N, C-alpha and C. Protein backbone atom coordinates (compact mmCIF):
# COMPACT_ATOMS: atom_id res chain seq x y z
N MET A 1 0.83 -1.18 0.00
CA MET A 1 0.00 0.00 0.00
C MET A 1 0.87 1.23 0.00
N SER A 2 0.54 2.07 -0.90
CA SER A 2 1.29 3.32 -0.90
C SER A 2 0.45 4.41 -0.24
N GLN A 3 1.12 5.27 0.45
CA GLN A 3 0.42 6.35 1.15
C GLN A 3 0.48 7.59 0.28
N ARG A 4 -0.67 8.19 0.05
CA ARG A 4 -0.71 9.42 -0.76
C ARG A 4 -0.36 10.60 0.09
N THR A 5 0.46 11.44 -0.43
CA THR A 5 0.78 12.68 0.29
C THR A 5 0.21 13.84 -0.49
N GLN A 6 -0.19 14.86 0.24
CA GLN A 6 -0.74 16.06 -0.39
C GLN A 6 0.33 17.13 -0.40
N PRO A 7 0.26 18.00 -1.36
CA PRO A 7 1.19 19.13 -1.35
C PRO A 7 1.05 19.90 -0.04
N GLN A 8 2.14 20.53 0.35
CA GLN A 8 2.18 21.19 1.66
C GLN A 8 1.10 22.26 1.82
N GLY A 9 0.80 23.03 0.80
CA GLY A 9 -0.22 24.07 0.89
C GLY A 9 -1.59 23.53 1.22
N GLN A 10 -1.92 22.36 0.67
CA GLN A 10 -3.22 21.76 0.95
C GLN A 10 -3.30 21.25 2.37
N GLN A 11 -2.17 20.73 2.90
CA GLN A 11 -2.17 20.26 4.28
C GLN A 11 -2.45 21.42 5.23
N GLN A 12 -1.86 22.57 4.96
CA GLN A 12 -2.08 23.73 5.83
C GLN A 12 -3.53 24.16 5.77
N ALA A 13 -4.12 24.10 4.61
CA ALA A 13 -5.52 24.52 4.49
C ALA A 13 -6.42 23.60 5.30
N GLN A 14 -6.13 22.30 5.26
CA GLN A 14 -6.94 21.36 6.02
C GLN A 14 -6.72 21.55 7.51
N THR A 15 -5.49 21.79 7.91
CA THR A 15 -5.18 21.99 9.32
C THR A 15 -5.88 23.23 9.85
N SER A 16 -5.86 24.32 9.07
CA SER A 16 -6.48 25.56 9.55
C SER A 16 -8.00 25.41 9.64
N ALA A 17 -8.56 24.48 8.86
CA ALA A 17 -10.00 24.27 8.94
C ALA A 17 -10.39 23.63 10.27
N LEU A 18 -9.44 23.01 10.95
CA LEU A 18 -9.72 22.37 12.22
C LEU A 18 -9.64 23.32 13.41
N VAL A 19 -9.09 24.49 13.18
CA VAL A 19 -8.95 25.47 14.25
C VAL A 19 -10.31 26.09 14.53
N PRO A 20 -10.74 26.14 15.79
CA PRO A 20 -12.06 26.71 16.09
C PRO A 20 -12.11 28.20 15.73
N ALA A 21 -13.27 28.63 15.32
CA ALA A 21 -13.47 30.05 14.98
C ALA A 21 -13.38 30.88 16.25
N PRO A 22 -12.86 32.10 16.13
CA PRO A 22 -12.79 32.96 17.32
C PRO A 22 -14.19 33.29 17.82
N ALA A 23 -14.28 33.58 19.09
CA ALA A 23 -15.57 33.94 19.68
C ALA A 23 -16.10 35.20 19.02
N LEU A 24 -17.39 35.26 18.87
CA LEU A 24 -18.01 36.42 18.24
C LEU A 24 -17.85 37.64 19.14
N ALA A 25 -17.63 38.77 18.50
CA ALA A 25 -17.52 40.03 19.24
C ALA A 25 -18.87 40.37 19.84
N PRO A 26 -18.89 41.07 20.98
CA PRO A 26 -20.18 41.45 21.55
C PRO A 26 -20.97 42.33 20.59
N ALA A 27 -22.27 42.20 20.63
CA ALA A 27 -23.12 43.00 19.76
C ALA A 27 -22.96 44.48 20.08
N PRO A 28 -22.93 45.33 19.05
CA PRO A 28 -22.80 46.76 19.32
C PRO A 28 -24.01 47.28 20.09
N GLN A 29 -23.78 48.31 20.89
CA GLN A 29 -24.89 48.88 21.65
C GLN A 29 -25.89 49.52 20.69
N GLN A 30 -27.13 49.47 21.09
CA GLN A 30 -28.19 50.08 20.31
C GLN A 30 -28.07 51.60 20.40
N LEU A 31 -28.11 52.27 19.27
CA LEU A 31 -28.05 53.73 19.24
C LEU A 31 -29.40 54.28 19.69
N VAL A 32 -29.40 55.09 20.73
CA VAL A 32 -30.62 55.69 21.26
C VAL A 32 -30.80 57.04 20.58
N LEU A 33 -31.85 57.15 19.79
CA LEU A 33 -32.12 58.40 19.08
C LEU A 33 -32.96 59.34 19.93
N PRO A 34 -32.86 60.64 19.68
CA PRO A 34 -33.77 61.58 20.36
C PRO A 34 -35.21 61.25 19.99
N THR A 35 -36.13 61.55 20.88
CA THR A 35 -37.54 61.26 20.62
C THR A 35 -38.10 62.21 19.56
N ASP A 36 -39.24 61.82 19.01
CA ASP A 36 -39.92 62.68 18.03
C ASP A 36 -40.24 64.04 18.64
N LYS A 37 -40.68 64.03 19.88
CA LYS A 37 -41.00 65.28 20.58
C LYS A 37 -39.78 66.19 20.64
N THR A 38 -38.63 65.64 20.98
CA THR A 38 -37.39 66.43 21.07
C THR A 38 -37.02 66.99 19.70
N LEU A 39 -37.12 66.16 18.68
CA LEU A 39 -36.78 66.63 17.33
C LEU A 39 -37.73 67.72 16.87
N GLN A 40 -39.01 67.60 17.20
CA GLN A 40 -39.98 68.64 16.83
C GLN A 40 -39.68 69.95 17.56
N GLN A 41 -39.37 69.86 18.85
CA GLN A 41 -39.05 71.08 19.60
C GLN A 41 -37.77 71.74 19.06
N ALA A 42 -36.77 70.93 18.74
CA ALA A 42 -35.53 71.48 18.18
C ALA A 42 -35.80 72.13 16.82
N THR A 43 -36.67 71.51 16.03
CA THR A 43 -37.02 72.08 14.72
C THR A 43 -37.72 73.43 14.88
N LYS A 44 -38.66 73.52 15.82
CA LYS A 44 -39.34 74.80 16.07
C LYS A 44 -38.34 75.88 16.47
N LEU A 45 -37.40 75.51 17.37
CA LEU A 45 -36.37 76.48 17.78
C LEU A 45 -35.51 76.89 16.59
N SER A 46 -35.17 75.94 15.76
CA SER A 46 -34.34 76.22 14.59
C SER A 46 -35.04 77.20 13.64
N LEU A 47 -36.31 76.97 13.40
CA LEU A 47 -37.06 77.88 12.52
C LEU A 47 -37.20 79.26 13.14
N LYS A 48 -37.43 79.29 14.44
CA LYS A 48 -37.62 80.56 15.14
C LYS A 48 -36.32 81.38 15.21
N THR A 49 -35.21 80.70 15.49
CA THR A 49 -33.94 81.41 15.68
C THR A 49 -33.09 81.48 14.42
N LYS A 50 -33.52 80.73 13.37
CA LYS A 50 -32.78 80.66 12.10
C LYS A 50 -31.36 80.10 12.31
N LYS A 51 -31.29 79.09 13.19
CA LYS A 51 -30.01 78.43 13.47
C LYS A 51 -30.12 76.97 13.07
N PRO A 52 -29.03 76.40 12.55
CA PRO A 52 -29.07 74.97 12.17
C PRO A 52 -29.04 74.06 13.39
N ILE A 53 -29.61 72.87 13.24
CA ILE A 53 -29.55 71.83 14.27
C ILE A 53 -28.34 70.96 13.94
N CYS A 54 -27.52 70.70 14.93
CA CYS A 54 -26.31 69.92 14.71
C CYS A 54 -26.26 68.75 15.70
N PHE A 55 -25.88 67.58 15.20
CA PHE A 55 -25.75 66.38 16.03
C PHE A 55 -24.29 66.01 16.23
N TYR A 56 -23.40 66.95 15.98
CA TYR A 56 -21.95 66.69 16.04
C TYR A 56 -21.52 66.05 17.35
N PHE A 57 -22.05 66.50 18.48
CA PHE A 57 -21.65 65.99 19.79
C PHE A 57 -22.59 64.92 20.33
N TYR A 58 -23.63 64.54 19.58
CA TYR A 58 -24.66 63.66 20.14
C TYR A 58 -24.12 62.29 20.56
N ILE A 59 -23.46 61.58 19.68
CA ILE A 59 -22.96 60.24 20.02
C ILE A 59 -21.93 60.32 21.14
N ASP A 60 -21.06 61.34 21.11
CA ASP A 60 -20.09 61.51 22.20
C ASP A 60 -20.80 61.78 23.52
N SER A 61 -21.95 62.45 23.48
CA SER A 61 -22.69 62.69 24.73
C SER A 61 -23.26 61.38 25.27
N LEU A 62 -23.68 60.48 24.39
CA LEU A 62 -24.16 59.17 24.83
C LEU A 62 -23.05 58.34 25.46
N LYS A 63 -21.83 58.54 24.97
CA LYS A 63 -20.67 57.78 25.47
C LYS A 63 -20.00 58.46 26.67
N GLY A 64 -20.49 59.63 27.08
CA GLY A 64 -19.91 60.34 28.21
C GLY A 64 -18.59 61.01 27.91
N LYS A 65 -18.35 61.34 26.65
CA LYS A 65 -17.06 61.92 26.25
C LYS A 65 -17.07 63.45 26.19
N ILE A 66 -18.20 64.06 26.51
CA ILE A 66 -18.26 65.52 26.52
C ILE A 66 -18.91 65.98 27.81
N SER A 67 -18.84 67.28 28.06
CA SER A 67 -19.51 67.86 29.21
C SER A 67 -19.89 69.30 28.89
N ILE A 68 -20.75 69.83 29.73
CA ILE A 68 -21.12 71.24 29.65
C ILE A 68 -20.34 71.92 30.77
N VAL A 69 -19.50 72.88 30.41
CA VAL A 69 -18.60 73.49 31.40
C VAL A 69 -18.72 75.00 31.39
N ASN A 70 -18.32 75.60 32.51
CA ASN A 70 -18.21 77.05 32.58
C ASN A 70 -16.86 77.45 32.02
N ASP A 71 -16.87 78.39 31.11
CA ASP A 71 -15.65 78.92 30.51
C ASP A 71 -15.61 80.40 30.86
N GLY A 72 -15.19 80.69 32.07
CA GLY A 72 -15.26 82.08 32.55
C GLY A 72 -16.70 82.41 32.86
N ASP A 73 -17.26 83.39 32.18
CA ASP A 73 -18.65 83.79 32.39
C ASP A 73 -19.62 83.00 31.52
N ASP A 74 -19.11 82.27 30.56
CA ASP A 74 -19.96 81.54 29.61
C ASP A 74 -19.95 80.05 29.89
N ARG A 75 -21.03 79.38 29.45
CA ARG A 75 -21.07 77.92 29.46
C ARG A 75 -20.93 77.45 28.02
N ILE A 76 -20.19 76.33 27.83
CA ILE A 76 -19.98 75.79 26.50
C ILE A 76 -20.12 74.27 26.56
N ILE A 77 -20.33 73.64 25.39
CA ILE A 77 -20.22 72.20 25.26
C ILE A 77 -18.76 71.93 24.96
N PHE A 78 -18.14 71.08 25.77
CA PHE A 78 -16.69 70.88 25.67
C PHE A 78 -16.35 69.41 25.47
N LYS A 79 -15.56 69.15 24.43
CA LYS A 79 -15.01 67.81 24.22
C LYS A 79 -13.50 67.85 24.39
N SER A 80 -12.85 68.85 23.80
CA SER A 80 -11.40 69.01 23.92
C SER A 80 -11.07 70.47 23.62
N GLU A 81 -9.81 70.80 23.76
CA GLU A 81 -9.40 72.18 23.47
C GLU A 81 -9.73 72.57 22.02
N ASP A 82 -9.75 71.58 21.14
CA ASP A 82 -10.02 71.84 19.72
C ASP A 82 -11.49 71.66 19.34
N GLU A 83 -12.26 71.01 20.21
CA GLU A 83 -13.65 70.71 19.89
C GLU A 83 -14.57 71.18 21.00
N HIS A 84 -15.13 72.35 20.80
CA HIS A 84 -16.07 72.94 21.75
C HIS A 84 -16.95 73.93 21.00
N THR A 85 -17.99 74.39 21.67
CA THR A 85 -18.96 75.27 21.00
C THR A 85 -18.75 76.73 21.38
N SER A 86 -19.50 77.57 20.70
CA SER A 86 -19.61 78.96 21.12
C SER A 86 -20.46 78.97 22.40
N PRO A 87 -20.53 80.11 23.10
CA PRO A 87 -21.28 80.16 24.38
C PRO A 87 -22.74 79.72 24.24
N ILE A 88 -23.22 79.05 25.28
CA ILE A 88 -24.60 78.58 25.34
C ILE A 88 -25.51 79.74 25.73
N ILE A 89 -26.61 79.89 24.99
CA ILE A 89 -27.60 80.92 25.29
C ILE A 89 -28.72 80.35 26.14
N ASN A 90 -29.26 79.17 25.75
CA ASN A 90 -30.35 78.51 26.48
C ASN A 90 -30.17 77.00 26.45
N THR A 91 -30.66 76.36 27.49
CA THR A 91 -30.67 74.89 27.56
C THR A 91 -32.07 74.44 27.92
N TYR A 92 -32.60 73.51 27.14
CA TYR A 92 -33.93 72.96 27.39
C TYR A 92 -33.80 71.46 27.59
N LYS A 93 -34.60 70.91 28.49
CA LYS A 93 -34.64 69.45 28.68
C LYS A 93 -35.90 68.94 28.01
N SER A 94 -35.73 67.92 27.19
CA SER A 94 -36.86 67.30 26.50
C SER A 94 -36.67 65.80 26.56
N ASP A 95 -37.54 65.11 27.28
CA ASP A 95 -37.45 63.67 27.47
C ASP A 95 -36.04 63.31 27.98
N SER A 96 -35.29 62.51 27.23
CA SER A 96 -33.97 62.10 27.70
C SER A 96 -32.85 62.85 26.99
N SER A 97 -33.16 64.07 26.54
CA SER A 97 -32.18 64.87 25.81
C SER A 97 -32.15 66.31 26.30
N PHE A 98 -31.04 66.97 26.01
CA PHE A 98 -30.93 68.42 26.15
C PHE A 98 -30.99 69.01 24.76
N ILE A 99 -31.71 70.11 24.61
CA ILE A 99 -31.65 70.92 23.40
C ILE A 99 -30.89 72.17 23.83
N ILE A 100 -29.74 72.39 23.22
CA ILE A 100 -28.88 73.49 23.65
C ILE A 100 -28.74 74.49 22.51
N VAL A 101 -29.09 75.73 22.79
CA VAL A 101 -28.97 76.80 21.81
C VAL A 101 -27.70 77.58 22.14
N THR A 102 -26.78 77.62 21.17
CA THR A 102 -25.56 78.42 21.34
C THR A 102 -25.69 79.67 20.47
N GLU A 103 -24.66 80.46 20.44
CA GLU A 103 -24.70 81.68 19.63
C GLU A 103 -24.92 81.37 18.15
N ASN A 104 -24.44 80.20 17.71
CA ASN A 104 -24.47 79.90 16.28
C ASN A 104 -25.32 78.70 15.88
N THR A 105 -25.58 77.78 16.81
CA THR A 105 -26.13 76.48 16.45
C THR A 105 -27.03 75.94 17.55
N ILE A 106 -27.90 74.99 17.18
CA ILE A 106 -28.70 74.24 18.15
C ILE A 106 -28.13 72.83 18.18
N TYR A 107 -27.81 72.34 19.38
CA TYR A 107 -27.26 71.00 19.55
C TYR A 107 -28.25 70.15 20.34
N ILE A 108 -28.29 68.87 20.01
CA ILE A 108 -29.06 67.91 20.80
C ILE A 108 -28.06 66.96 21.43
N LEU A 109 -28.16 66.82 22.77
CA LEU A 109 -27.26 65.97 23.54
C LEU A 109 -28.07 65.05 24.45
N SER A 110 -27.43 64.03 24.93
CA SER A 110 -28.04 63.17 25.94
C SER A 110 -28.21 63.97 27.22
N ALA A 111 -29.30 63.75 27.92
CA ALA A 111 -29.53 64.43 29.20
C ALA A 111 -28.60 63.91 30.29
N GLU A 112 -27.87 62.84 30.00
CA GLU A 112 -26.86 62.31 30.93
C GLU A 112 -25.53 63.05 30.82
N THR A 113 -25.44 64.03 29.96
CA THR A 113 -24.20 64.81 29.80
C THR A 113 -23.91 65.54 31.09
N PRO A 114 -22.69 65.36 31.65
CA PRO A 114 -22.36 66.04 32.90
C PRO A 114 -22.27 67.55 32.74
N VAL A 115 -22.74 68.25 33.75
CA VAL A 115 -22.63 69.71 33.79
C VAL A 115 -21.64 70.05 34.88
N ARG A 116 -20.57 70.71 34.54
CA ARG A 116 -19.51 71.04 35.50
C ARG A 116 -19.30 72.52 35.64
């Protein structure tokens, strides 16, 4: 009886097929969107003040990566020295979100955003 040998590349392919697959990564967290009520209120403010609505800081607010801080006499939304807003004029709470009106823009953030 002769024993058949396979080329080396095929042996490696068969061997790697026996290796168990890595564990699946955890499912990504569900993105929590602002409620319809919050979006409607922000839209009314946008039309009234003629300012755009921006979601630039929204996901970071959900992750706890930003805060509302005092910058001297003004309050601002702060992420880093390079990423922050103009001074805040008004802050409204709507359901689980803040609607924040700055000098230039309206932002929607998670109501869990720390205020310092």
